[in-house]
Amino acid sequence: MPYTTILLIICCAVFYYRLGEFEYGSGGPLALASVALWAIGSFALRFGWLGNLLGQVGLLFVLTVWNIMRRERK
């Protein structure tokens, strides 16, 4: 269903926007990264919605590791 896919893209973008606002002060780049990751997964890699959701979880994992490493350096 295309409506489900569009809803998932919007939900992920809003989630990453809010995460960016909380962690980095600006949510736009993370929301854009989320939508770009979804587009690459859909069009270039031919992932379905489940594969794209796993990609979003991977993005969250990378951001978590990045924040842990960033805080250890300070």
Foldseek 3Di string as FASTA:
>chain_A
DVVVVVVVLVVLLVVQQVVCCVPPVGRVVRSVVLNVLLCCCCPVVVDDSVVSVVVSVVVVVVVVVVVVVVVVVD
